[in-house]
C-alpha cells in the first residue's frame, strides 16, 4: 500500500528493562534518555 515498512523481532521471554508499572517506567525512560538506562532497553 505504498508505505515504507520494516520489522524487528525482539525478545519478550523476560520483561524489557527492569521497571514494570507506570511511574516506574517513566523513571526508567528518563534514565535511558540520559544514557544510563538498562542495557536491553
ModelCIF file with pLDDT and N, C-alpha, C, O atoms, coordinates in Angstrom:
data_MODEL
#
_entry.id   MODEL 
#
_entity.id                         1 
_entity.type                       polymer 
_entity.pdbx_number_of_molecules   1 
#
_entity_poly.entity_id                      1 
_entity_poly.type                           'polypeptide(L)' 
_entity_poly.nstd_linkage                   no 
_entity_poly.nstd_monomer                   no 
_entity_poly.pdbx_seq_one_letter_code       
;(UNK)(UNK)(UNK)(UNK)(UNK)(UNK)(UNK)(UNK)(UNK)(UNK)(UNK)(UNK)(UNK)(UNK)(UNK)(UNK)
(UNK)(UNK)(UNK)(UNK)(UNK)(UNK)(UNK)(UNK)(UNK)(UNK)(UNK)(UNK)(UNK)(UNK)(UNK)(UNK)
(UNK)(UNK)(UNK)(UNK)(UNK)(UNK)(UNK)(UNK)(UNK)
;
_entity_poly.pdbx_seq_one_letter_code_can   XXXXXXXXXXXXXXXXXXXXXXXXXXXXXXXXXXXXXXXXX 
_entity_poly.pdbx_strand_id                 A 
#
loop_
_entity_poly_seq.entity_id 
_entity_poly_seq.num 
_entity_poly_seq.mon_id 
_entity_poly_seq.hetero 
1 1  UNK n 
1 2  UNK n 
1 3  UNK n 
1 4  UNK n 
1 5  UNK n 
1 6  UNK n 
1 7  UNK n 
1 8  UNK n 
1 9  UNK n 
1 10 UNK n 
1 11 UNK n 
1 12 UNK n 
1 13 UNK n 
1 14 UNK n 
1 15 UNK n 
1 16 UNK n 
1 17 UNK n 
1 18 UNK n 
1 19 UNK n 
1 20 UNK n 
1 21 UNK n 
1 22 UNK n 
1 23 UNK n 
1 24 UNK n 
1 25 UNK n 
1 26 UNK n 
1 27 UNK n 
1 28 UNK n 
1 29 UNK n 
1 30 UNK n 
1 31 UNK n 
1 32 UNK n 
1 33 UNK n 
1 34 UNK n 
1 35 UNK n 
1 36 UNK n 
1 37 UNK n 
1 38 UNK n 
1 39 UNK n 
1 40 UNK n 
1 41 UNK n 
#
_struct_asym.id          A 
_struct_asym.entity_id   1 
#
loop_
_ma_qa_metric.id 
_ma_qa_metric.mode 
_ma_qa_metric.name 
_ma_qa_metric.software_group_id 
_ma_qa_metric.type 
1 global pLDDT . pLDDT 
2 local  pLDDT . pLDDT 
#
_ma_qa_metric_global.metric_id      1 
_ma_qa_metric_global.metric_value   96.24 
_ma_qa_metric_global.model_id       1 
_ma_qa_metric_global.ordinal_id     1 
#
loop_
_ma_qa_metric_local.label_asym_id 
_ma_qa_metric_local.label_comp_id 
_ma_qa_metric_local.label_seq_id 
_ma_qa_metric_local.metric_id 
_ma_qa_metric_local.metric_value 
_ma_qa_metric_local.model_id 
_ma_qa_metric_local.ordinal_id 
A UNK 1  2 94.00 1 1  
A UNK 2  2 93.00 1 2  
A UNK 3  2 94.00 1 3  
A UNK 4  2 94.00 1 4  
A UNK 5  2 96.00 1 5  
A UNK 6  2 97.00 1 6  
A UNK 7  2 97.00 1 7  
A UNK 8  2 97.00 1 8  
A UNK 9  2 98.00 1 9  
A UNK 10 2 97.00 1 10 
A UNK 11 2 96.00 1 11 
A UNK 12 2 94.00 1 12 
A UNK 13 2 93.00 1 13 
A UNK 14 2 95.00 1 14 
A UNK 15 2 94.00 1 15 
A UNK 16 2 95.00 1 16 
A UNK 17 2 96.00 1 17 
A UNK 18 2 97.00 1 18 
A UNK 19 2 97.00 1 19 
A UNK 20 2 96.00 1 20 
A UNK 21 2 95.00 1 21 
A UNK 22 2 95.00 1 22 
A UNK 23 2 97.00 1 23 
A UNK 24 2 97.00 1 24 
A UNK 25 2 96.00 1 25 
A UNK 26 2 97.00 1 26 
A UNK 27 2 98.00 1 27 
A UNK 28 2 98.00 1 28 
A UNK 29 2 98.00 1 29 
A UNK 30 2 98.00 1 30 
A UNK 31 2 98.00 1 31 
A UNK 32 2 98.00 1 32 
A UNK 33 2 98.00 1 33 
A UNK 34 2 97.00 1 34 
A UNK 35 2 96.00 1 35 
A UNK 36 2 96.00 1 36 
A UNK 37 2 97.00 1 37 
A UNK 38 2 97.00 1 38 
A UNK 39 2 97.00 1 39 
A UNK 40 2 96.00 1 40 
A UNK 41 2 97.00 1 41 
#
loop_
_atom_site.group_PDB 
_atom_site.id 
_atom_site.type_symbol 
_atom_site.label_atom_id 
_atom_site.label_alt_id 
_atom_site.label_comp_id 
_atom_site.label_asym_id 
_atom_site.label_entity_id 
_atom_site.label_seq_id 
_atom_site.pdbx_PDB_ins_code 
_atom_site.Cartn_x 
_atom_site.Cartn_y 
_atom_site.Cartn_z 
_atom_site.occupancy 
_atom_site.B_iso_or_equiv 
_atom_site.pdbx_formal_charge 
_atom_site.auth_seq_id 
_atom_site.auth_comp_id 
_atom_site.auth_asym_id 
_atom_site.auth_atom_id 
_atom_site.pdbx_PDB_model_num 
ATOM 1   N N  . UNK A 1 1  ? 0.827  -1.217  0.000  1.00 94.00 ? 1  UNK A N  1 
ATOM 2   C CA . UNK A 1 1  ? 0.000  0.000   0.000  1.00 94.00 ? 1  UNK A CA 1 
ATOM 3   C C  . UNK A 1 1  ? 0.863  1.270   0.000  1.00 94.00 ? 1  UNK A C  1 
ATOM 4   O O  . UNK A 1 1  ? 0.391  2.368   0.295  1.00 94.00 ? 1  UNK A O  1 
ATOM 5   N N  . UNK A 1 2  ? 2.143  1.079   -0.341 1.00 93.00 ? 2  UNK A N  1 
ATOM 6   C CA . UNK A 1 2  ? 2.999  2.241   -0.548 1.00 93.00 ? 2  UNK A CA 1 
ATOM 7   C C  . UNK A 1 2  ? 3.531  2.919   0.704  1.00 93.00 ? 2  UNK A C  1 
ATOM 8   O O  . UNK A 1 2  ? 3.805  4.119   0.691  1.00 93.00 ? 2  UNK A O  1 
ATOM 9   N N  . UNK A 1 3  ? 3.681  2.153   1.795  1.00 94.00 ? 3  UNK A N  1 
ATOM 10  C CA . UNK A 1 3  ? 4.323  2.717   2.992  1.00 94.00 ? 3  UNK A CA 1 
ATOM 11  C C  . UNK A 1 3  ? 5.627  1.974   3.234  1.00 94.00 ? 3  UNK A C  1 
ATOM 12  O O  . UNK A 1 3  ? 5.668  0.744   3.212  1.00 94.00 ? 3  UNK A O  1 
ATOM 13  N N  . UNK A 1 4  ? 6.679  2.724   3.462  1.00 94.00 ? 4  UNK A N  1 
ATOM 14  C CA . UNK A 1 4  ? 7.943  2.040   3.779  1.00 94.00 ? 4  UNK A CA 1 
ATOM 15  C C  . UNK A 1 4  ? 7.792  1.346   5.133  1.00 94.00 ? 4  UNK A C  1 
ATOM 16  O O  . UNK A 1 4  ? 7.458  1.995   6.123  1.00 94.00 ? 4  UNK A O  1 
ATOM 17  N N  . UNK A 1 5  ? 8.030  0.059   5.185  1.00 96.00 ? 5  UNK A N  1 
ATOM 18  C CA . UNK A 1 5  ? 7.795  -0.669  6.435  1.00 96.00 ? 5  UNK A CA 1 
ATOM 19  C C  . UNK A 1 5  ? 8.935  -1.640  6.691  1.00 96.00 ? 5  UNK A C  1 
ATOM 20  O O  . UNK A 1 5  ? 9.436  -2.283  5.769  1.00 96.00 ? 5  UNK A O  1 
ATOM 21  N N  . UNK A 1 6  ? 9.346  -1.741  7.973  1.00 97.00 ? 6  UNK A N  1 
ATOM 22  C CA . UNK A 1 6  ? 10.293 -2.791  8.329  1.00 97.00 ? 6  UNK A CA 1 
ATOM 23  C C  . UNK A 1 6  ? 9.952  -3.292  9.744  1.00 97.00 ? 6  UNK A C  1 
ATOM 24  O O  . UNK A 1 6  ? 9.262  -2.623  10.513 1.00 97.00 ? 6  UNK A O  1 
ATOM 25  N N  . UNK A 1 7  ? 10.457 -4.485  10.052 1.00 97.00 ? 7  UNK A N  1 
ATOM 26  C CA . UNK A 1 7  ? 10.132 -5.052  11.374 1.00 97.00 ? 7  UNK A CA 1 
ATOM 27  C C  . UNK A 1 7  ? 11.387 -5.615  12.031 1.00 97.00 ? 7  UNK A C  1 
ATOM 28  O O  . UNK A 1 7  ? 12.274 -6.163  11.377 1.00 97.00 ? 7  UNK A O  1 
ATOM 29  N N  . UNK A 1 8  ? 11.422 -5.457  13.355 1.00 97.00 ? 8  UNK A N  1 
ATOM 30  C CA . UNK A 1 8  ? 12.462 -6.081  14.181 1.00 97.00 ? 8  UNK A CA 1 
ATOM 31  C C  . UNK A 1 8  ? 11.760 -7.119  15.052 1.00 97.00 ? 8  UNK A C  1 
ATOM 32  O O  . UNK A 1 8  ? 10.728 -6.825  15.654 1.00 97.00 ? 8  UNK A O  1 
ATOM 33  N N  . UNK A 1 9  ? 12.309 -8.329  15.123 1.00 98.00 ? 9  UNK A N  1 
ATOM 34  C CA . UNK A 1 9  ? 11.730 -9.332  16.033 1.00 98.00 ? 9  UNK A CA 1 
ATOM 35  C C  . UNK A 1 9  ? 12.581 -9.350  17.298 1.00 98.00 ? 9  UNK A C  1 
ATOM 36  O O  . UNK A 1 9  ? 13.770 -9.665  17.247 1.00 98.00 ? 9  UNK A O  1 
ATOM 37  N N  . UNK A 1 10 ? 11.966 -9.008  18.438 1.00 97.00 ? 10 UNK A N  1 
ATOM 38  C CA . UNK A 1 10 ? 12.764 -8.892  19.664 1.00 97.00 ? 10 UNK A CA 1 
ATOM 39  C C  . UNK A 1 10 ? 12.192 -9.788  20.768 1.00 97.00 ? 10 UNK A C  1 
ATOM 40  O O  . UNK A 1 10 ? 11.055 -10.255 20.695 1.00 97.00 ? 10 UNK A O  1 
ATOM 41  N N  . UNK A 1 11 ? 13.011 -10.006 21.777 1.00 96.00 ? 11 UNK A N  1 
ATOM 42  C CA . UNK A 1 11 ? 12.683 -10.991 22.810 1.00 96.00 ? 11 UNK A CA 1 
ATOM 43  C C  . UNK A 1 11 ? 11.775 -10.412 23.884 1.00 96.00 ? 11 UNK A C  1 
ATOM 44  O O  . UNK A 1 11 ? 11.971 -9.291  24.352 1.00 96.00 ? 11 UNK A O  1 
ATOM 45  N N  . UNK A 1 12 ? 10.766 -11.212 24.266 1.00 94.00 ? 12 UNK A N  1 
ATOM 46  C CA . UNK A 1 12 ? 9.913  -10.846 25.386 1.00 94.00 ? 12 UNK A CA 1 
ATOM 47  C C  . UNK A 1 12 ? 9.702  -12.069 26.287 1.00 94.00 ? 12 UNK A C  1 
ATOM 48  O O  . UNK A 1 12 ? 8.622  -12.283 26.837 1.00 94.00 ? 12 UNK A O  1 
ATOM 49  N N  . UNK A 1 13 ? 10.803 -12.884 26.421 1.00 93.00 ? 13 UNK A N  1 
ATOM 50  C CA . UNK A 1 13 ? 10.684 -14.023 27.344 1.00 93.00 ? 13 UNK A CA 1 
ATOM 51  C C  . UNK A 1 13 ? 10.833 -13.520 28.776 1.00 93.00 ? 13 UNK A C  1 
ATOM 52  O O  . UNK A 1 13 ? 10.304 -14.114 29.715 1.00 93.00 ? 13 UNK A O  1 
ATOM 53  N N  . UNK A 1 14 ? 11.580 -12.392 28.928 1.00 95.00 ? 14 UNK A N  1 
ATOM 54  C CA . UNK A 1 14 ? 11.674 -11.720 30.229 1.00 95.00 ? 14 UNK A CA 1 
ATOM 55  C C  . UNK A 1 14 ? 11.270 -10.261 30.020 1.00 95.00 ? 14 UNK A C  1 
ATOM 56  O O  . UNK A 1 14 ? 11.339 -9.778  28.890 1.00 95.00 ? 14 UNK A O  1 
ATOM 57  N N  . UNK A 1 15 ? 10.851 -9.540  31.065 1.00 94.00 ? 15 UNK A N  1 
ATOM 58  C CA . UNK A 1 15 ? 10.456 -8.141  30.852 1.00 94.00 ? 15 UNK A CA 1 
ATOM 59  C C  . UNK A 1 15 ? 11.601 -7.326  30.247 1.00 94.00 ? 15 UNK A C  1 
ATOM 60  O O  . UNK A 1 15 ? 12.778 -7.631  30.440 1.00 94.00 ? 15 UNK A O  1 
ATOM 61  N N  . UNK A 1 16 ? 11.219 -6.284  29.512 1.00 95.00 ? 16 UNK A N  1 
ATOM 62  C CA . UNK A 1 16 ? 12.213 -5.379  28.930 1.00 95.00 ? 16 UNK A CA 1 
ATOM 63  C C  . UNK A 1 16 ? 12.592 -4.353  30.001 1.00 95.00 ? 16 UNK A C  1 
ATOM 64  O O  . UNK A 1 16 ? 11.724 -3.802  30.678 1.00 95.00 ? 16 UNK A O  1 
ATOM 65  N N  . UNK A 1 17 ? 13.903 -4.102  30.146 1.00 96.00 ? 17 UNK A N  1 
ATOM 66  C CA . UNK A 1 17 ? 14.313 -3.177  31.212 1.00 96.00 ? 17 UNK A CA 1 
ATOM 67  C C  . UNK A 1 17 ? 14.099 -3.833  32.570 1.00 96.00 ? 17 UNK A C  1 
ATOM 68  O O  . UNK A 1 17 ? 14.037 -5.057  32.680 1.00 96.00 ? 17 UNK A O  1 
ATOM 69  N N  . UNK A 1 18 ? 13.986 -2.989  33.615 1.00 97.00 ? 18 UNK A N  1 
ATOM 70  C CA . UNK A 1 18 ? 13.782 -3.522  34.971 1.00 97.00 ? 18 UNK A CA 1 
ATOM 71  C C  . UNK A 1 18 ? 12.411 -3.142  35.543 1.00 97.00 ? 18 UNK A C  1 
ATOM 72  O O  . UNK A 1 18 ? 11.880 -3.835  36.411 1.00 97.00 ? 18 UNK A O  1 
ATOM 73  N N  . UNK A 1 19 ? 11.840 -2.030  35.045 1.00 97.00 ? 19 UNK A N  1 
ATOM 74  C CA . UNK A 1 19 ? 10.639 -1.485  35.692 1.00 97.00 ? 19 UNK A CA 1 
ATOM 75  C C  . UNK A 1 19 ? 9.356  -1.961  35.015 1.00 97.00 ? 19 UNK A C  1 
ATOM 76  O O  . UNK A 1 19 ? 9.267  -1.993  33.788 1.00 97.00 ? 19 UNK A O  1 
ATOM 77  N N  . UNK A 1 20 ? 8.366  -2.329  35.826 1.00 96.00 ? 20 UNK A N  1 
ATOM 78  C CA . UNK A 1 20 ? 7.034  -2.673  35.312 1.00 96.00 ? 20 UNK A CA 1 
ATOM 79  C C  . UNK A 1 20 ? 6.014  -1.896  36.160 1.00 96.00 ? 20 UNK A C  1 
ATOM 80  O O  . UNK A 1 20 ? 5.813  -2.200  37.336 1.00 96.00 ? 20 UNK A O  1 
ATOM 81  N N  . UNK A 1 21 ? 5.387  -0.910  35.558 1.00 95.00 ? 21 UNK A N  1 
ATOM 82  C CA . UNK A 1 21 ? 4.472  -0.044  36.315 1.00 95.00 ? 21 UNK A CA 1 
ATOM 83  C C  . UNK A 1 21 ? 4.588  1.347   35.732 1.00 95.00 ? 21 UNK A C  1 
ATOM 84  O O  . UNK A 1 21 ? 5.640  1.672   35.181 1.00 95.00 ? 21 UNK A O  1 
ATOM 85  N N  . UNK A 1 22 ? 3.588  2.175   35.819 1.00 95.00 ? 22 UNK A N  1 
ATOM 86  C CA . UNK A 1 22 ? 3.513  3.394   35.016 1.00 95.00 ? 22 UNK A CA 1 
ATOM 87  C C  . UNK A 1 22 ? 4.558  4.441   35.378 1.00 95.00 ? 22 UNK A C  1 
ATOM 88  O O  . UNK A 1 22 ? 5.400  4.782   34.547 1.00 95.00 ? 22 UNK A O  1 
ATOM 89  N N  . UNK A 1 23 ? 4.519  4.960   36.612 1.00 97.00 ? 23 UNK A N  1 
ATOM 90  C CA . UNK A 1 23 ? 5.504  5.987   37.002 1.00 97.00 ? 23 UNK A CA 1 
ATOM 91  C C  . UNK A 1 23 ? 6.912  5.386   37.022 1.00 97.00 ? 23 UNK A C  1 
ATOM 92  O O  . UNK A 1 23 ? 7.885  6.066   36.696 1.00 97.00 ? 23 UNK A O  1 
ATOM 93  N N  . UNK A 1 24 ? 7.017  4.110   37.404 1.00 97.00 ? 24 UNK A N  1 
ATOM 94  C CA . UNK A 1 24 ? 8.330  3.452   37.468 1.00 97.00 ? 24 UNK A CA 1 
ATOM 95  C C  . UNK A 1 24 ? 8.954  3.365   36.068 1.00 97.00 ? 24 UNK A C  1 
ATOM 96  O O  . UNK A 1 24 ? 10.167 3.498   35.908 1.00 97.00 ? 24 UNK A O  1 
ATOM 97  N N  . UNK A 1 25 ? 8.096  3.137   35.054 1.00 96.00 ? 25 UNK A N  1 
ATOM 98  C CA . UNK A 1 25 ? 8.617  3.067   33.684 1.00 96.00 ? 25 UNK A CA 1 
ATOM 99  C C  . UNK A 1 25 ? 9.006  4.451   33.157 1.00 96.00 ? 25 UNK A C  1 
ATOM 100 O O  . UNK A 1 25 ? 9.952  4.578   32.380 1.00 96.00 ? 25 UNK A O  1 
ATOM 101 N N  . UNK A 1 26 ? 8.278  5.483   33.580 1.00 97.00 ? 26 UNK A N  1 
ATOM 102 C CA . UNK A 1 26 ? 8.665  6.849   33.172 1.00 97.00 ? 26 UNK A CA 1 
ATOM 103 C C  . UNK A 1 26 ? 10.058 7.168   33.740 1.00 97.00 ? 26 UNK A C  1 
ATOM 104 O O  . UNK A 1 26 ? 10.913 7.740   33.064 1.00 97.00 ? 26 UNK A O  1 
ATOM 105 N N  . UNK A 1 27 ? 10.247 6.781   34.991 1.00 98.00 ? 27 UNK A N  1 
ATOM 106 C CA . UNK A 1 27 ? 11.557 6.971   35.659 1.00 98.00 ? 27 UNK A CA 1 
ATOM 107 C C  . UNK A 1 27 ? 12.675 6.289   34.851 1.00 98.00 ? 27 UNK A C  1 
ATOM 108 O O  . UNK A 1 27 ? 13.749 6.852   34.638 1.00 98.00 ? 27 UNK A O  1 
ATOM 109 N N  . UNK A 1 28 ? 12.384 5.068   34.415 1.00 98.00 ? 28 UNK A N  1 
ATOM 110 C CA . UNK A 1 28 ? 13.378 4.297   33.660 1.00 98.00 ? 28 UNK A CA 1 
ATOM 111 C C  . UNK A 1 28 ? 13.616 4.915   32.275 1.00 98.00 ? 28 UNK A C  1 
ATOM 112 O O  . UNK A 1 28 ? 14.734 4.905   31.760 1.00 98.00 ? 28 UNK A O  1 
ATOM 113 N N  . UNK A 1 29 ? 12.549 5.446   31.693 1.00 98.00 ? 29 UNK A N  1 
ATOM 114 C CA . UNK A 1 29 ? 12.697 6.115   30.390 1.00 98.00 ? 29 UNK A CA 1 
ATOM 115 C C  . UNK A 1 29 ? 13.596 7.342   30.528 1.00 98.00 ? 29 UNK A C  1 
ATOM 116 O O  . UNK A 1 29 ? 14.429 7.608   29.661 1.00 98.00 ? 29 UNK A O  1 
ATOM 117 N N  . UNK A 1 30 ? 13.423 8.091   31.625 1.00 98.00 ? 30 UNK A N  1 
ATOM 118 C CA . UNK A 1 30 ? 14.254 9.285   31.860 1.00 98.00 ? 30 UNK A CA 1 
ATOM 119 C C  . UNK A 1 30 ? 15.737 8.875   31.956 1.00 98.00 ? 30 UNK A C  1 
ATOM 120 O O  . UNK A 1 30 ? 16.609 9.499   31.352 1.00 98.00 ? 30 UNK A O  1 
ATOM 121 N N  . UNK A 1 31 ? 15.994 7.819   32.723 1.00 98.00 ? 31 UNK A N  1 
ATOM 122 C CA . UNK A 1 31 ? 17.383 7.341   32.875 1.00 98.00 ? 31 UNK A CA 1 
ATOM 123 C C  . UNK A 1 31 ? 17.942 6.914   31.516 1.00 98.00 ? 31 UNK A C  1 
ATOM 124 O O  . UNK A 1 31 ? 19.110 7.162   31.220 1.00 98.00 ? 31 UNK A O  1 
ATOM 125 N N  . UNK A 1 32 ? 17.112 6.274   30.692 1.00 98.00 ? 32 UNK A N  1 
ATOM 126 C CA . UNK A 1 32 ? 17.574 5.772   29.386 1.00 98.00 ? 32 UNK A CA 1 
ATOM 127 C C  . UNK A 1 32 ? 17.889 6.940   28.451 1.00 98.00 ? 32 UNK A C  1 
ATOM 128 O O  . UNK A 1 32 ? 18.885 6.916   27.728 1.00 98.00 ? 32 UNK A O  1 
ATOM 129 N N  . UNK A 1 33 ? 17.029 7.963   28.471 1.00 98.00 ? 33 UNK A N  1 
ATOM 130 C CA . UNK A 1 33 ? 17.271 9.128   27.608 1.00 98.00 ? 33 UNK A CA 1 
ATOM 131 C C  . UNK A 1 33 ? 18.543 9.872   28.016 1.00 98.00 ? 33 UNK A C  1 
ATOM 132 O O  . UNK A 1 33 ? 19.160 10.564  27.207 1.00 98.00 ? 33 UNK A O  1 
ATOM 133 N N  . UNK A 1 34 ? 18.917 9.718   29.271 1.00 97.00 ? 34 UNK A N  1 
ATOM 134 C CA . UNK A 1 34 ? 20.170 10.350  29.739 1.00 97.00 ? 34 UNK A CA 1 
ATOM 135 C C  . UNK A 1 34 ? 21.375 9.458   29.446 1.00 97.00 ? 34 UNK A C  1 
ATOM 136 O O  . UNK A 1 34 ? 22.517 9.823   29.727 1.00 97.00 ? 34 UNK A O  1 
ATOM 137 N N  . UNK A 1 35 ? 21.102 8.285   28.877 1.00 96.00 ? 35 UNK A N  1 
ATOM 138 C CA . UNK A 1 35 ? 22.218 7.384   28.532 1.00 96.00 ? 35 UNK A CA 1 
ATOM 139 C C  . UNK A 1 35 ? 22.611 6.429   29.622 1.00 96.00 ? 35 UNK A C  1 
ATOM 140 O O  . UNK A 1 35 ? 23.612 5.724   29.493 1.00 96.00 ? 35 UNK A O  1 
ATOM 141 N N  . UNK A 1 36 ? 21.818 6.382   30.742 1.00 96.00 ? 36 UNK A N  1 
ATOM 142 C CA . UNK A 1 36 ? 22.195 5.406   31.778 1.00 96.00 ? 36 UNK A CA 1 
ATOM 143 C C  . UNK A 1 36 ? 21.019 4.490   32.164 1.00 96.00 ? 36 UNK A C  1 
ATOM 144 O O  . UNK A 1 36 ? 20.806 4.178   33.336 1.00 96.00 ? 36 UNK A O  1 
ATOM 145 N N  . UNK A 1 37 ? 20.266 4.072   31.133 1.00 97.00 ? 37 UNK A N  1 
ATOM 146 C CA . UNK A 1 37 ? 19.152 3.136   31.370 1.00 97.00 ? 37 UNK A CA 1 
ATOM 147 C C  . UNK A 1 37 ? 19.622 1.691   31.279 1.00 97.00 ? 37 UNK A C  1 
ATOM 148 O O  . UNK A 1 37 ? 20.806 1.446   31.052 1.00 97.00 ? 37 UNK A O  1 
ATOM 149 N N  . UNK A 1 38 ? 18.721 0.733   31.449 1.00 97.00 ? 38 UNK A N  1 
ATOM 150 C CA . UNK A 1 38 ? 19.072 -0.684  31.338 1.00 97.00 ? 38 UNK A CA 1 
ATOM 151 C C  . UNK A 1 38 ? 19.632 -1.007  29.947 1.00 97.00 ? 38 UNK A C  1 
ATOM 152 O O  . UNK A 1 38 ? 19.237 -0.419  28.940 1.00 97.00 ? 38 UNK A O  1 
ATOM 153 N N  . UNK A 1 39 ? 20.535 -1.931  29.932 1.00 97.00 ? 39 UNK A N  1 
ATOM 154 C CA . UNK A 1 39 ? 21.241 -2.267  28.683 1.00 97.00 ? 39 UNK A CA 1 
ATOM 155 C C  . UNK A 1 39 ? 20.284 -2.714  27.566 1.00 97.00 ? 39 UNK A C  1 
ATOM 156 O O  . UNK A 1 39 ? 20.403 -2.274  26.422 1.00 97.00 ? 39 UNK A O  1 
ATOM 157 N N  . UNK A 1 40 ? 19.323 -3.606  27.921 1.00 96.00 ? 40 UNK A N  1 
ATOM 158 C CA . UNK A 1 40 ? 18.443 -4.153  26.875 1.00 96.00 ? 40 UNK A CA 1 
ATOM 159 C C  . UNK A 1 40 ? 17.494 -3.096  26.312 1.00 96.00 ? 40 UNK A C  1 
ATOM 160 O O  . UNK A 1 40 ? 17.271 -3.024  25.103 1.00 96.00 ? 40 UNK A O  1 
ATOM 161 N N  . UNK A 1 41 ? 16.941 -2.277  27.209 1.00 97.00 ? 41 UNK A N  1 
ATOM 162 C CA . UNK A 1 41 ? 16.017 -1.228  26.753 1.00 97.00 ? 41 UNK A CA 1 
ATOM 163 C C  . UNK A 1 41 ? 16.761 -0.231  25.863 1.00 97.00 ? 41 UNK A C  1 
ATOM 164 O O  . UNK A 1 41 ? 16.163 0.729   25.376 1.00 97.00 ? 41 UNK A O  1 
#
